Amino acid sequence: MIFRKSKTSDVESIMKIIRQAQEFFKNQEIDQWQDGYPNEYTIIKDINNAESYVLVKDDEVVATSMVTFKNEPAYDFIYEGQWLSNNKYATIHRVAVSNTHKGLGLSTEIIKYIEDLCINHDVHSIKVDTHKENIPMQKTLKKNGFEYCGIIYVDSSSERVAFEKLL
């Protein structure tokens, strides 16, 4: 498998995976990604900012994620807990795996690749948030050494559970 930066030619494949994730959340009654987000504009913006990544297997995009080394303003305030560190960090957003490749540990593979990216950028902290009902993502994070840190708000009213891993 190859983990690489996304190209504009990947947008269709990425959006297919995003739509599958949106449908999964809807079927699980998880109120995440149910308002038209992320959309094609979001993905193109990630690509233009060199923050969109895909996992490719046999020339097929099988998973997607966004990684940024920029400050995440929503992380400036954390409630009912605290971050493990106040150092430079990477943030992971928009992890999704194709329905045909679920259950193969690809989210873990993405996390490993992101850890390598961080080390190469001399960054030793990864922060991530997810919906409180997104138990599969929370299990993946905990399995990969992330620690629950508290609650953040992505908008004034959108509560998320926050995790951090020190490298």
N, C-alpha and C. Protein backbone atom coordinates (compact mmCIF):
# COMPACT_ATOMS: atom_id res chain seq x y z
N MET A 1 0.83 -1.19 0.00
CA MET A 1 0.00 0.00 0.00
C MET A 1 0.87 1.25 0.00
N ILE A 2 0.32 2.28 -0.57
CA ILE A 2 1.02 3.56 -0.66
C ILE A 2 0.17 4.62 0.02
N PHE A 3 0.79 5.40 0.90
CA PHE A 3 0.15 6.54 1.54
C PHE A 3 0.78 7.77 0.91
N ARG A 4 -0.05 8.58 0.26
CA ARG A 4 0.49 9.74 -0.46
C ARG A 4 -0.47 10.91 -0.38
N LYS A 5 0.06 12.08 -0.74
CA LYS A 5 -0.80 13.26 -0.83
C LYS A 5 -1.80 13.05 -1.95
N SER A 6 -3.00 13.54 -1.71
CA SER A 6 -4.07 13.43 -2.71
C SER A 6 -3.82 14.39 -3.86
N LYS A 7 -4.34 14.00 -5.02
CA LYS A 7 -4.30 14.84 -6.21
C LYS A 7 -5.74 15.16 -6.60
N THR A 8 -5.91 16.18 -7.41
CA THR A 8 -7.27 16.52 -7.84
C THR A 8 -7.93 15.36 -8.56
N SER A 9 -7.16 14.53 -9.21
CA SER A 9 -7.74 13.35 -9.89
C SER A 9 -8.28 12.32 -8.90
N ASP A 10 -7.99 12.47 -7.61
CA ASP A 10 -8.49 11.55 -6.58
C ASP A 10 -9.83 11.99 -6.01
N VAL A 11 -10.29 13.19 -6.33
CA VAL A 11 -11.48 13.75 -5.67
C VAL A 11 -12.69 12.83 -5.81
N GLU A 12 -12.93 12.30 -6.99
CA GLU A 12 -14.09 11.43 -7.19
C GLU A 12 -14.02 10.20 -6.28
N SER A 13 -12.86 9.58 -6.20
CA SER A 13 -12.69 8.40 -5.34
C SER A 13 -12.84 8.77 -3.86
N ILE A 14 -12.27 9.90 -3.48
CA ILE A 14 -12.38 10.35 -2.09
C ILE A 14 -13.84 10.60 -1.73
N MET A 15 -14.56 11.28 -2.62
CA MET A 15 -15.96 11.60 -2.34
C MET A 15 -16.82 10.33 -2.27
N LYS A 16 -16.49 9.33 -3.05
CA LYS A 16 -17.22 8.06 -2.97
C LYS A 16 -17.05 7.45 -1.58
N ILE A 17 -15.84 7.48 -1.07
CA ILE A 17 -15.56 6.95 0.27
C ILE A 17 -16.25 7.79 1.33
N ILE A 18 -16.22 9.10 1.18
CA ILE A 18 -16.89 10.00 2.13
C ILE A 18 -18.40 9.72 2.16
N ARG A 19 -19.00 9.57 0.98
CA ARG A 19 -20.44 9.27 0.92
C ARG A 19 -20.77 7.94 1.59
N GLN A 20 -19.90 6.95 1.42
CA GLN A 20 -20.10 5.66 2.10
C GLN A 20 -20.06 5.85 3.62
N ALA A 21 -19.13 6.66 4.09
CA ALA A 21 -19.02 6.93 5.53
C ALA A 21 -20.26 7.67 6.02
N GLN A 22 -20.72 8.63 5.26
CA GLN A 22 -21.92 9.37 5.64
C GLN A 22 -23.12 8.42 5.76
N GLU A 23 -23.24 7.50 4.83
CA GLU A 23 -24.34 6.52 4.86
C GLU A 23 -24.20 5.60 6.08
N PHE A 24 -22.96 5.18 6.37
CA PHE A 24 -22.71 4.34 7.55
C PHE A 24 -23.15 5.06 8.82
N PHE A 25 -22.73 6.32 8.96
CA PHE A 25 -23.12 7.10 10.14
C PHE A 25 -24.64 7.23 10.24
N LYS A 26 -25.27 7.49 9.11
CA LYS A 26 -26.73 7.62 9.10
C LYS A 26 -27.39 6.33 9.57
N ASN A 27 -26.93 5.20 9.05
CA ASN A 27 -27.49 3.90 9.42
C ASN A 27 -27.25 3.56 10.88
N GLN A 28 -26.16 4.06 11.45
CA GLN A 28 -25.83 3.82 12.85
C GLN A 28 -26.43 4.88 13.77
N GLU A 29 -27.19 5.82 13.17
CA GLU A 29 -27.80 6.93 13.90
C GLU A 29 -26.76 7.79 14.62
N ILE A 30 -25.62 7.98 13.95
CA ILE A 30 -24.56 8.86 14.44
C ILE A 30 -24.69 10.18 13.69
N ASP A 31 -24.85 11.24 14.42
CA ASP A 31 -25.07 12.55 13.81
C ASP A 31 -23.74 13.21 13.44
N GLN A 32 -22.97 12.51 12.63
CA GLN A 32 -21.69 13.03 12.17
C GLN A 32 -21.71 13.00 10.64
N TRP A 33 -21.25 14.07 10.02
CA TRP A 33 -21.19 14.19 8.56
C TRP A 33 -22.58 14.05 7.93
N GLN A 34 -23.61 14.50 8.61
CA GLN A 34 -24.97 14.38 8.08
C GLN A 34 -25.51 15.69 7.52
N ASP A 35 -24.69 16.71 7.48
CA ASP A 35 -25.16 18.03 7.02
C ASP A 35 -24.48 18.47 5.73
N GLY A 36 -24.05 17.52 4.92
CA GLY A 36 -23.38 17.86 3.67
C GLY A 36 -21.89 18.10 3.81
N TYR A 37 -21.37 17.87 4.98
CA TYR A 37 -19.93 18.02 5.25
C TYR A 37 -19.36 16.65 5.55
N PRO A 38 -18.18 16.35 5.09
CA PRO A 38 -17.36 17.13 4.16
C PRO A 38 -17.89 17.00 2.73
N ASN A 39 -17.71 18.05 1.96
CA ASN A 39 -18.16 18.03 0.58
C ASN A 39 -16.95 18.15 -0.36
N GLU A 40 -17.23 18.18 -1.64
CA GLU A 40 -16.15 18.24 -2.63
C GLU A 40 -15.29 19.49 -2.43
N TYR A 41 -15.92 20.61 -2.10
CA TYR A 41 -15.16 21.84 -1.86
C TYR A 41 -14.16 21.65 -0.72
N THR A 42 -14.60 20.98 0.36
CA THR A 42 -13.72 20.72 1.51
C THR A 42 -12.50 19.90 1.07
N ILE A 43 -12.73 18.87 0.28
CA ILE A 43 -11.65 17.98 -0.16
C ILE A 43 -10.70 18.73 -1.09
N ILE A 44 -11.23 19.50 -2.01
CA ILE A 44 -10.38 20.26 -2.92
C ILE A 44 -9.54 21.28 -2.14
N LYS A 45 -10.14 21.92 -1.15
CA LYS A 45 -9.40 22.85 -0.30
C LYS A 45 -8.26 22.13 0.43
N ASP A 46 -8.55 20.93 0.97
CA ASP A 46 -7.51 20.12 1.62
C ASP A 46 -6.38 19.81 0.65
N ILE A 47 -6.73 19.43 -0.58
CA ILE A 47 -5.71 19.11 -1.59
C ILE A 47 -4.88 20.35 -1.91
N ASN A 48 -5.55 21.47 -2.12
CA ASN A 48 -4.83 22.72 -2.43
C ASN A 48 -3.91 23.16 -1.29
N ASN A 49 -4.28 22.81 -0.06
CA ASN A 49 -3.45 23.12 1.11
C ASN A 49 -2.41 22.04 1.39
N ALA A 50 -2.34 21.02 0.53
CA ALA A 50 -1.41 19.89 0.68
C ALA A 50 -1.63 19.17 2.01
N GLU A 51 -2.91 19.03 2.42
CA GLU A 51 -3.25 18.39 3.68
C GLU A 51 -4.13 17.15 3.50
N SER A 52 -4.43 16.79 2.27
CA SER A 52 -5.26 15.61 1.99
C SER A 52 -4.36 14.45 1.60
N TYR A 53 -4.67 13.28 2.17
CA TYR A 53 -3.88 12.08 1.91
C TYR A 53 -4.80 10.93 1.56
N VAL A 54 -4.29 10.02 0.75
CA VAL A 54 -5.02 8.80 0.42
C VAL A 54 -4.13 7.60 0.64
N LEU A 55 -4.79 6.48 0.90
CA LEU A 55 -4.13 5.18 0.98
C LEU A 55 -4.54 4.44 -0.29
N VAL A 56 -3.54 4.01 -1.05
CA VAL A 56 -3.78 3.38 -2.35
C VAL A 56 -3.32 1.94 -2.30
N LYS A 57 -4.20 1.05 -2.76
CA LYS A 57 -3.87 -0.38 -2.84
C LYS A 57 -4.22 -0.85 -4.25
N ASP A 58 -3.28 -1.44 -4.93
CA ASP A 58 -3.49 -1.91 -6.30
C ASP A 58 -4.09 -0.83 -7.18
N ASP A 59 -3.53 0.36 -7.12
CA ASP A 59 -3.96 1.52 -7.92
C ASP A 59 -5.37 2.01 -7.61
N GLU A 60 -5.93 1.60 -6.47
CA GLU A 60 -7.26 2.04 -6.07
C GLU A 60 -7.17 2.80 -4.76
N VAL A 61 -7.83 3.97 -4.71
CA VAL A 61 -7.91 4.73 -3.46
C VAL A 61 -8.85 3.97 -2.54
N VAL A 62 -8.33 3.51 -1.38
CA VAL A 62 -9.13 2.69 -0.47
C VAL A 62 -9.41 3.40 0.86
N ALA A 63 -8.75 4.53 1.10
CA ALA A 63 -8.98 5.28 2.34
C ALA A 63 -8.48 6.70 2.15
N THR A 64 -9.00 7.58 2.99
CA THR A 64 -8.63 8.99 2.89
C THR A 64 -8.52 9.60 4.28
N SER A 65 -7.75 10.65 4.37
CA SER A 65 -7.63 11.40 5.62
C SER A 65 -7.08 12.79 5.32
N MET A 66 -7.21 13.64 6.31
CA MET A 66 -6.65 14.99 6.24
C MET A 66 -5.72 15.15 7.43
N VAL A 67 -4.55 15.68 7.18
CA VAL A 67 -3.57 15.93 8.24
C VAL A 67 -3.07 17.35 8.08
N THR A 68 -3.09 18.09 9.18
CA THR A 68 -2.56 19.44 9.14
C THR A 68 -1.58 19.65 10.30
N PHE A 69 -0.60 20.47 10.03
CA PHE A 69 0.35 20.85 11.07
C PHE A 69 0.08 22.28 11.55
N LYS A 70 -1.02 22.85 11.08
CA LYS A 70 -1.43 24.18 11.50
C LYS A 70 -2.21 24.08 12.81
N ASN A 71 -2.23 25.16 13.56
CA ASN A 71 -2.99 25.21 14.80
C ASN A 71 -4.48 24.99 14.52
N GLU A 72 -5.11 24.18 15.33
CA GLU A 72 -6.55 23.94 15.24
C GLU A 72 -7.24 24.82 16.27
N PRO A 73 -7.88 25.90 15.85
CA PRO A 73 -8.46 26.84 16.82
C PRO A 73 -9.44 26.18 17.80
N ALA A 74 -10.17 25.18 17.37
CA ALA A 74 -11.12 24.51 18.26
C ALA A 74 -10.41 23.81 19.42
N TYR A 75 -9.12 23.57 19.28
CA TYR A 75 -8.37 22.88 20.33
C TYR A 75 -7.78 23.83 21.37
N ASP A 76 -7.97 25.13 21.17
CA ASP A 76 -7.45 26.10 22.13
C ASP A 76 -8.14 25.99 23.48
N PHE A 77 -9.37 25.50 23.47
CA PHE A 77 -10.13 25.34 24.72
C PHE A 77 -10.62 23.90 24.81
N ILE A 78 -10.29 23.24 25.90
CA ILE A 78 -10.73 21.87 26.13
C ILE A 78 -11.43 21.84 27.48
N TYR A 79 -12.50 21.09 27.56
CA TYR A 79 -13.34 21.06 28.75
C TYR A 79 -13.36 19.65 29.32
N GLU A 80 -13.57 19.59 30.63
CA GLU A 80 -13.68 18.31 31.35
C GLU A 80 -12.43 17.45 31.14
N GLY A 81 -11.28 18.10 31.09
CA GLY A 81 -10.01 17.40 30.91
C GLY A 81 -8.94 18.37 30.47
N GLN A 82 -7.85 17.80 29.96
CA GLN A 82 -6.77 18.64 29.44
C GLN A 82 -5.95 17.85 28.44
N TRP A 83 -5.27 18.58 27.56
CA TRP A 83 -4.38 17.96 26.60
C TRP A 83 -3.17 17.37 27.33
N LEU A 84 -2.54 16.39 26.73
CA LEU A 84 -1.34 15.78 27.31
C LEU A 84 -0.15 16.71 27.21
N SER A 85 -0.17 17.58 26.19
CA SER A 85 0.95 18.50 25.98
C SER A 85 0.45 19.80 25.37
N ASN A 86 1.31 20.80 25.41
CA ASN A 86 1.02 22.07 24.74
C ASN A 86 2.06 22.34 23.65
N ASN A 87 2.67 21.27 23.16
CA ASN A 87 3.71 21.39 22.14
C ASN A 87 3.08 21.48 20.74
N LYS A 88 3.94 21.66 19.74
CA LYS A 88 3.49 21.59 18.35
C LYS A 88 2.79 20.25 18.14
N TYR A 89 1.78 20.24 17.29
CA TYR A 89 1.05 18.99 17.05
C TYR A 89 0.52 18.93 15.63
N ALA A 90 0.20 17.74 15.21
CA ALA A 90 -0.54 17.52 13.97
C ALA A 90 -1.97 17.19 14.36
N THR A 91 -2.88 17.50 13.47
CA THR A 91 -4.28 17.17 13.69
C THR A 91 -4.76 16.29 12.55
N ILE A 92 -5.47 15.24 12.91
CA ILE A 92 -6.07 14.33 11.92
C ILE A 92 -7.55 14.65 11.83
N HIS A 93 -8.03 14.77 10.60
CA HIS A 93 -9.46 14.95 10.34
C HIS A 93 -9.87 14.03 9.19
N ARG A 94 -11.15 13.80 9.07
CA ARG A 94 -11.77 13.19 7.90
C ARG A 94 -11.16 11.84 7.49
N VAL A 95 -11.00 10.95 8.45
CA VAL A 95 -10.54 9.59 8.15
C VAL A 95 -11.74 8.77 7.69
N ALA A 96 -11.60 8.13 6.55
CA ALA A 96 -12.66 7.27 6.04
C ALA A 96 -12.05 6.16 5.19
N VAL A 97 -12.64 4.97 5.31
CA VAL A 97 -12.16 3.79 4.60
C VAL A 97 -13.28 3.27 3.70
N SER A 98 -12.92 2.88 2.52
CA SER A 98 -13.88 2.32 1.56
C SER A 98 -14.61 1.12 2.17
N ASN A 99 -15.89 0.99 1.87
CA ASN A 99 -16.68 -0.14 2.37
C ASN A 99 -16.06 -1.48 2.00
N THR A 100 -15.42 -1.55 0.84
CA THR A 100 -14.83 -2.82 0.38
C THR A 100 -13.55 -3.16 1.12
N HIS A 101 -13.06 -2.24 1.94
CA HIS A 101 -11.80 -2.48 2.67
C HIS A 101 -11.94 -2.28 4.18
N LYS A 102 -13.16 -2.16 4.66
CA LYS A 102 -13.37 -2.02 6.11
C LYS A 102 -12.98 -3.33 6.81
N GLY A 103 -12.54 -3.20 8.06
CA GLY A 103 -12.19 -4.37 8.84
C GLY A 103 -10.80 -4.92 8.57
N LEU A 104 -10.02 -4.24 7.76
CA LEU A 104 -8.68 -4.70 7.41
C LEU A 104 -7.59 -3.93 8.15
N GLY A 105 -7.98 -3.05 9.07
CA GLY A 105 -7.00 -2.29 9.84
C GLY A 105 -6.41 -1.10 9.10
N LEU A 106 -7.12 -0.60 8.09
CA LEU A 106 -6.56 0.50 7.31
C LEU A 106 -6.50 1.82 8.09
N SER A 107 -7.42 2.02 9.01
CA SER A 107 -7.34 3.23 9.85
C SER A 107 -6.07 3.20 10.68
N THR A 108 -5.71 2.03 11.18
CA THR A 108 -4.45 1.89 11.92
C THR A 108 -3.26 2.16 11.01
N GLU A 109 -3.32 1.68 9.78
CA GLU A 109 -2.24 1.94 8.82
C GLU A 109 -2.09 3.44 8.58
N ILE A 110 -3.21 4.12 8.41
CA ILE A 110 -3.17 5.57 8.21
C ILE A 110 -2.51 6.25 9.40
N ILE A 111 -2.88 5.86 10.60
CA ILE A 111 -2.29 6.45 11.80
C ILE A 111 -0.78 6.23 11.82
N LYS A 112 -0.33 5.04 11.47
CA LYS A 112 1.12 4.76 11.44
C LYS A 112 1.83 5.66 10.44
N TYR A 113 1.23 5.82 9.27
CA TYR A 113 1.84 6.70 8.27
C TYR A 113 1.88 8.15 8.77
N ILE A 114 0.82 8.58 9.44
CA ILE A 114 0.78 9.94 9.97
C ILE A 114 1.82 10.13 11.07
N GLU A 115 2.02 9.10 11.88
CA GLU A 115 3.06 9.17 12.90
C GLU A 115 4.42 9.39 12.24
N ASP A 116 4.69 8.69 11.14
CA ASP A 116 5.95 8.88 10.41
C ASP A 116 6.05 10.30 9.86
N LEU A 117 4.94 10.82 9.31
CA LEU A 117 4.93 12.21 8.83
C LEU A 117 5.30 13.16 9.95
N CYS A 118 4.73 12.93 11.12
CA CYS A 118 4.99 13.80 12.27
C CYS A 118 6.47 13.78 12.66
N ILE A 119 7.02 12.60 12.77
CA ILE A 119 8.44 12.47 13.13
C ILE A 119 9.30 13.21 12.10
N ASN A 120 8.95 13.07 10.81
CA ASN A 120 9.71 13.75 9.76
C ASN A 120 9.57 15.27 9.84
N HIS A 121 8.50 15.76 10.45
CA HIS A 121 8.29 17.20 10.65
C HIS A 121 8.73 17.63 12.06
N ASP A 122 9.38 16.74 12.80
CA ASP A 122 9.81 17.01 14.17
C ASP A 122 8.64 17.44 15.06
N VAL A 123 7.51 16.76 14.87
CA VAL A 123 6.31 16.99 15.66
C VAL A 123 6.05 15.71 16.44
N HIS A 124 5.83 15.83 17.75
CA HIS A 124 5.73 14.64 18.60
C HIS A 124 4.39 14.53 19.32
N SER A 125 3.37 15.12 18.72
CA SER A 125 2.03 15.05 19.28
C SER A 125 1.02 15.02 18.13
N ILE A 126 0.02 14.15 18.27
CA ILE A 126 -1.08 14.11 17.32
C ILE A 126 -2.37 14.27 18.11
N LYS A 127 -3.21 15.21 17.65
CA LYS A 127 -4.50 15.43 18.29
C LYS A 127 -5.60 15.11 17.28
N VAL A 128 -6.71 14.64 17.80
CA VAL A 128 -7.83 14.27 16.94
C VAL A 128 -9.11 14.38 17.76
N ASP A 129 -10.20 14.69 17.07
CA ASP A 129 -11.50 14.69 17.75
C ASP A 129 -12.48 13.88 16.90
N THR A 130 -13.51 13.39 17.55
CA THR A 130 -14.55 12.66 16.84
C THR A 130 -15.87 12.83 17.57
N HIS A 131 -16.91 12.46 16.91
CA HIS A 131 -18.25 12.54 17.50
C HIS A 131 -18.32 11.55 18.67
N LYS A 132 -19.04 11.94 19.73
CA LYS A 132 -19.11 11.09 20.92
C LYS A 132 -19.77 9.75 20.64
N GLU A 133 -20.56 9.66 19.57
CA GLU A 133 -21.21 8.40 19.23
C GLU A 133 -20.41 7.57 18.22
N ASN A 134 -19.29 8.10 17.73
CA ASN A 134 -18.48 7.37 16.76
C ASN A 134 -17.54 6.42 17.51
N ILE A 135 -18.14 5.36 18.03
CA ILE A 135 -17.40 4.38 18.83
C ILE A 135 -16.32 3.66 18.01
N PRO A 136 -16.56 3.30 16.74
CA PRO A 136 -15.49 2.65 15.98
C PRO A 136 -14.21 3.49 15.91
N MET A 137 -14.34 4.79 15.69
CA MET A 137 -13.16 5.65 15.64
C MET A 137 -12.51 5.76 17.00
N GLN A 138 -13.31 5.88 18.05
CA GLN A 138 -12.75 5.96 19.40
C GLN A 138 -11.96 4.69 19.73
N LYS A 139 -12.49 3.53 19.35
CA LYS A 139 -11.78 2.26 19.60
C LYS A 139 -10.47 2.22 18.83
N THR A 140 -10.51 2.69 17.58
CA THR A 140 -9.29 2.72 16.77
C THR A 140 -8.24 3.62 17.41
N LEU A 141 -8.67 4.78 17.87
CA LEU A 141 -7.73 5.70 18.51
C LEU A 141 -7.11 5.08 19.76
N LYS A 142 -7.93 4.52 20.63
CA LYS A 142 -7.43 3.92 21.87
C LYS A 142 -6.51 2.75 21.57
N LYS A 143 -6.87 1.95 20.58
CA LYS A 143 -6.04 0.80 20.19
C LYS A 143 -4.66 1.24 19.71
N ASN A 144 -4.59 2.46 19.17
CA ASN A 144 -3.34 2.98 18.63
C ASN A 144 -2.63 3.94 19.57
N GLY A 145 -2.98 3.89 20.86
CA GLY A 145 -2.22 4.64 21.86
C GLY A 145 -2.68 6.05 22.11
N PHE A 146 -3.81 6.45 21.57
CA PHE A 146 -4.34 7.78 21.85
C PHE A 146 -5.04 7.75 23.20
N GLU A 147 -4.94 8.86 23.93
CA GLU A 147 -5.58 8.97 25.23
C GLU A 147 -6.70 10.00 25.16
N TYR A 148 -7.81 9.65 25.79
CA TYR A 148 -8.93 10.59 25.88
C TYR A 148 -8.48 11.78 26.71
N CYS A 149 -8.76 13.00 26.22
CA CYS A 149 -8.32 14.21 26.92
C CYS A 149 -9.45 15.10 27.40
N GLY A 150 -10.63 15.03 26.78
CA GLY A 150 -11.73 15.89 27.19
C GLY A 150 -12.66 16.20 26.04
N ILE A 151 -13.36 17.30 26.17
CA ILE A 151 -14.38 17.72 25.21
C ILE A 151 -13.93 19.01 24.53
N ILE A 152 -14.10 19.08 23.21
CA ILE A 152 -13.89 20.33 22.48
C ILE A 152 -15.17 20.63 21.70
N TYR A 153 -15.25 21.85 21.22
CA TYR A 153 -16.40 22.26 20.41
C TYR A 153 -15.89 22.75 19.07
N VAL A 154 -16.34 22.11 17.98
CA VAL A 154 -15.89 22.52 16.65
C VAL A 154 -16.64 23.76 16.18
N ASP A 155 -17.86 23.92 16.61
CA ASP A 155 -18.63 25.15 16.45
C ASP A 155 -19.06 25.50 17.87
N SER A 156 -19.84 26.52 18.01
CA SER A 156 -20.24 26.89 19.36
C SER A 156 -21.08 25.80 20.04
N SER A 157 -21.68 24.90 19.23
CA SER A 157 -22.55 23.90 19.84
C SER A 157 -22.23 22.46 19.44
N SER A 158 -21.22 22.23 18.61
CA SER A 158 -20.90 20.88 18.14
C SER A 158 -19.82 20.23 19.02
N GLU A 159 -20.29 19.46 19.98
CA GLU A 159 -19.40 18.82 20.95
C GLU A 159 -18.69 17.62 20.32
N ARG A 160 -17.40 17.48 20.62
CA ARG A 160 -16.60 16.34 20.16
C ARG A 160 -15.72 15.84 21.30
N VAL A 161 -15.42 14.56 21.26
CA VAL A 161 -14.47 14.00 22.22
C VAL A 161 -13.08 14.12 21.61
N ALA A 162 -12.13 14.49 22.44
CA ALA A 162 -10.78 14.81 21.96
C ALA A 162 -9.76 13.82 22.50
N PHE A 163 -8.80 13.48 21.67
CA PHE A 163 -7.75 12.51 21.99
C PHE A 163 -6.39 13.09 21.58
N GLU A 164 -5.36 12.59 22.25
CA GLU A 164 -4.00 12.97 21.88
C GLU A 164 -3.09 11.78 22.07
N LYS A 165 -2.07 11.74 21.22
CA LYS A 165 -1.02 10.72 21.34
C LYS A 165 0.33 11.44 21.27
N LEU A 166 1.19 11.12 22.22
CA LEU A 166 2.55 11.65 22.21
C LEU A 166 3.46 10.61 21.55
N LEU A 167 4.34 11.11 20.68
CA LEU A 167 5.26 10.23 19.96
C LEU A 167 6.65 10.29 20.54
